[in-house]
Amino acid sequence: MKIKAISLGLILLVVGCNSEQQDVTETDDAIENNESDSVSSVIYDPSEAIWSYEQNQQTRELEVKQIRPVDRDTLTGETLEKIINRTWPRVQIKFIGTSNDTVFISIPDSEVMTQQMGSAGAESFMVTTTYSFTELRGIDYVSFGFEEGDHGVPGVYHRHSWDKNNDQ
């Protein structure tokens, strides 16, 4: 009887340890998956984006594509600020205001865009943000205010700023 009790105790101990080890491994895997998911969505999350900037598979040229339509009559700078900040969570903008045909935005902490996203990432951010803000009625230009870096230059941009052979 004593041997059966000890054997049963050892079996439970072994099963319990293996079960705990499996739980820890599953937890570690879940954390790792969540970290990789959040890392991939940290820079760009297209779920609310209005515009995308992607390579055309046939021409190999970068193209701006509208992902979803917007109601220009109800669209505001504040709404666009929220959309851009959710689309690009690590590059937070501040909508300052408009004057005539220009909207003014700032990027208080521009290091991610200018130093960490590379030229293609920064260009994608600038293009899609410009296209989004020029959805506002009467707005043709976006004035970006931020500290210049390797991959981004502040200034005034419009929808044709990235066209090849741009003379505008």
Protein backbone atom coordinates (compact mmCIF):
# COMPACT_ATOMS: atom_id res chain seq x y z
CA MET A 1 0.00 0.00 0.00
CA LYS A 2 2.86 2.30 0.91
CA ILE A 3 4.60 1.56 -2.39
CA LYS A 4 1.40 2.28 -4.33
CA ALA A 5 0.98 5.61 -2.55
CA ILE A 6 4.60 6.59 -3.21
CA SER A 7 4.32 5.47 -6.86
CA LEU A 8 1.10 7.42 -7.29
CA GLY A 9 2.73 10.48 -5.68
CA LEU A 10 5.74 10.22 -8.02
CA ILE A 11 3.49 9.86 -11.07
CA LEU A 12 1.48 12.91 -10.04
CA LEU A 13 4.68 14.84 -9.40
CA VAL A 14 6.09 13.93 -12.83
CA VAL A 15 2.81 14.70 -14.62
CA GLY A 16 2.43 17.95 -12.68
CA CYS A 17 5.97 19.07 -13.55
CA ASN A 18 5.52 18.17 -17.23
CA SER A 19 2.18 19.95 -17.32
CA GLU A 20 3.71 23.07 -15.74
CA GLN A 21 6.61 22.90 -18.21
CA GLN A 22 4.16 22.64 -21.08
CA ASP A 23 2.14 25.58 -19.71
CA VAL A 24 5.31 27.66 -19.43
CA THR A 25 6.33 26.72 -22.98
CA GLU A 26 2.85 27.58 -24.30
CA THR A 27 2.92 30.88 -22.41
CA ASP A 28 6.39 31.69 -23.77
CA ASP A 29 5.19 30.88 -27.31
CA ALA A 30 2.12 33.08 -26.87
CA ILE A 31 4.21 35.96 -25.56
CA GLU A 32 6.66 35.55 -28.44
CA ASN A 33 3.81 35.51 -30.98
CA ASN A 34 2.23 38.59 -29.42
CA GLU A 35 5.58 40.39 -29.45
CA SER A 36 6.16 39.59 -33.10
CA ASP A 37 2.57 40.62 -33.91
CA SER A 38 2.96 43.91 -32.08
CA VAL A 39 6.36 44.55 -33.63
CA SER A 40 4.91 44.10 -37.12
CA SER A 41 1.99 46.42 -36.36
CA VAL A 42 4.04 48.99 -34.44
CA ILE A 43 5.35 50.81 -37.51
CA TYR A 44 2.33 50.55 -39.84
CA ASP A 45 -1.22 49.34 -39.23
CA PRO A 46 -3.29 49.62 -42.43
CA SER A 47 -6.63 48.77 -40.76
CA GLU A 48 -7.77 52.42 -40.73
CA ALA A 49 -5.54 53.83 -43.47
CA ILE A 50 -7.09 55.83 -46.29
CA TRP A 51 -4.14 55.57 -48.69
CA SER A 52 -1.35 53.06 -49.31
CA TYR A 53 1.96 53.46 -51.12
CA GLU A 54 3.00 50.17 -52.66
CA GLN A 55 4.97 48.71 -55.51
CA ASN A 56 2.91 47.76 -58.56
CA GLN A 57 3.81 44.13 -59.30
CA GLN A 58 3.61 44.62 -63.08
CA THR A 59 5.40 47.95 -63.52
CA ARG A 60 7.61 47.71 -60.40
CA GLU A 61 6.80 51.39 -59.78
CA LEU A 62 5.58 52.74 -56.44
CA GLU A 63 1.93 53.73 -56.58
CA VAL A 64 -0.49 55.52 -54.30
CA LYS A 65 -3.76 53.62 -53.94
CA GLN A 66 -6.88 54.65 -52.09
CA ILE A 67 -7.72 51.87 -49.64
CA ARG A 68 -11.08 53.22 -48.54
CA PRO A 69 -13.27 56.17 -49.46
CA VAL A 70 -13.87 59.04 -47.07
CA ASP A 71 -16.69 61.56 -46.79
CA ARG A 72 -14.92 64.82 -47.61
CA ASP A 73 -17.89 66.79 -46.25
CA THR A 74 -17.43 65.49 -42.71
CA LEU A 75 -13.66 64.97 -42.71
CA THR A 76 -11.66 67.18 -40.32
CA GLY A 77 -8.00 67.71 -39.53
CA GLU A 78 -8.54 66.28 -36.07
CA THR A 79 -10.09 63.12 -37.52
CA LEU A 80 -7.19 62.71 -39.91
CA GLU A 81 -4.71 63.19 -37.08
CA LYS A 82 -6.33 60.27 -35.24
CA ILE A 83 -6.36 58.09 -38.36
CA ILE A 84 -2.70 58.80 -39.15
CA ASN A 85 -1.66 58.23 -35.52
CA ARG A 86 -3.42 54.86 -35.45
CA THR A 87 -2.04 53.91 -38.88
CA TRP A 88 1.52 54.91 -37.92
CA PRO A 89 1.59 54.33 -34.13
CA ARG A 90 5.30 55.13 -33.73
CA VAL A 91 5.17 58.36 -35.75
CA GLN A 92 2.67 60.56 -33.92
CA ILE A 93 1.61 63.79 -35.60
CA LYS A 94 -0.09 66.91 -34.25
CA PHE A 95 -2.61 68.72 -36.43
CA ILE A 96 -1.89 72.43 -35.98
CA GLY A 97 -4.41 74.01 -38.35
CA THR A 98 -5.06 75.25 -41.85
CA SER A 99 -4.38 78.44 -43.75
CA ASN A 100 -5.81 78.94 -47.24
CA ASP A 101 -4.93 75.75 -49.17
CA THR A 102 -2.34 74.42 -46.71
CA VAL A 103 -2.63 72.23 -43.64
CA PHE A 104 0.07 72.42 -40.96
CA ILE A 105 1.15 69.40 -38.96
CA SER A 106 4.09 68.71 -36.69
CA ILE A 107 5.88 65.56 -35.68
CA PRO A 108 7.20 66.32 -32.18
CA ASP A 109 9.28 63.12 -32.00
CA SER A 110 10.35 62.43 -35.58
CA GLU A 111 13.30 60.14 -34.87
CA VAL A 112 11.44 56.93 -35.77
CA MET A 113 10.49 58.36 -39.16
CA THR A 114 13.74 60.13 -39.96
CA GLN A 115 16.21 57.60 -38.55
CA GLN A 116 14.60 54.18 -38.05
CA MET A 117 12.10 53.48 -40.85
CA GLY A 118 14.53 53.81 -43.73
CA SER A 119 13.96 55.91 -46.82
CA ALA A 120 11.10 53.75 -48.12
CA GLY A 121 9.24 53.78 -44.80
CA ALA A 122 9.64 57.52 -44.34
CA GLU A 123 8.54 58.17 -47.92
CA SER A 124 5.51 55.93 -47.47
CA PHE A 125 4.57 57.83 -44.31
CA MET A 126 5.00 61.24 -46.00
CA VAL A 127 3.10 60.24 -49.15
CA THR A 128 0.14 58.61 -47.40
CA THR A 129 -0.10 61.42 -44.84
CA THR A 130 -0.02 64.05 -47.60
CA TYR A 131 -2.68 62.24 -49.62
CA SER A 132 -4.85 61.82 -46.53
CA PHE A 133 -4.71 65.49 -45.53
CA THR A 134 -5.31 66.67 -49.09
CA GLU A 135 -8.65 64.86 -48.89
CA LEU A 136 -9.79 67.89 -46.87
CA ARG A 137 -11.83 70.29 -49.01
CA GLY A 138 -9.70 73.14 -50.32
CA ILE A 139 -6.41 71.66 -49.13
CA ASP A 140 -3.68 71.11 -51.72
CA TYR A 141 -0.54 71.30 -49.57
CA VAL A 142 0.72 69.80 -46.32
CA SER A 143 3.40 71.61 -44.32
CA PHE A 144 5.38 69.15 -42.22
CA GLY A 145 7.27 70.52 -39.23
CA PHE A 146 9.83 68.19 -37.67
CA GLU A 147 13.54 67.83 -37.04
CA GLU A 148 15.28 66.80 -40.26
CA GLY A 149 16.98 63.43 -40.34
CA ASP A 150 18.59 60.97 -42.73
CA HIS A 151 15.27 59.80 -44.19
CA GLY A 152 12.98 62.81 -43.91
CA VAL A 153 13.04 66.51 -44.68
CA PRO A 154 10.45 68.95 -43.33
CA GLY A 155 8.70 71.24 -45.78
CA VAL A 156 5.58 71.74 -47.84
CA TYR A 157 4.42 68.81 -49.95
CA HIS A 158 1.54 68.13 -52.35
CA ARG A 159 0.23 65.07 -54.17
CA HIS A 160 2.70 65.47 -57.02
CA SER A 161 5.79 65.98 -54.85
CA TRP A 162 6.85 62.36 -55.46
CA ASP A 163 6.16 62.23 -59.19
CA LYS A 164 9.14 61.42 -61.38
CA ASN A 165 10.51 64.50 -63.17
CA ASN A 166 8.52 66.72 -60.84
CA ASP A 167 8.92 70.35 -61.83
CA GLN A 168 6.27 71.66 -59.45
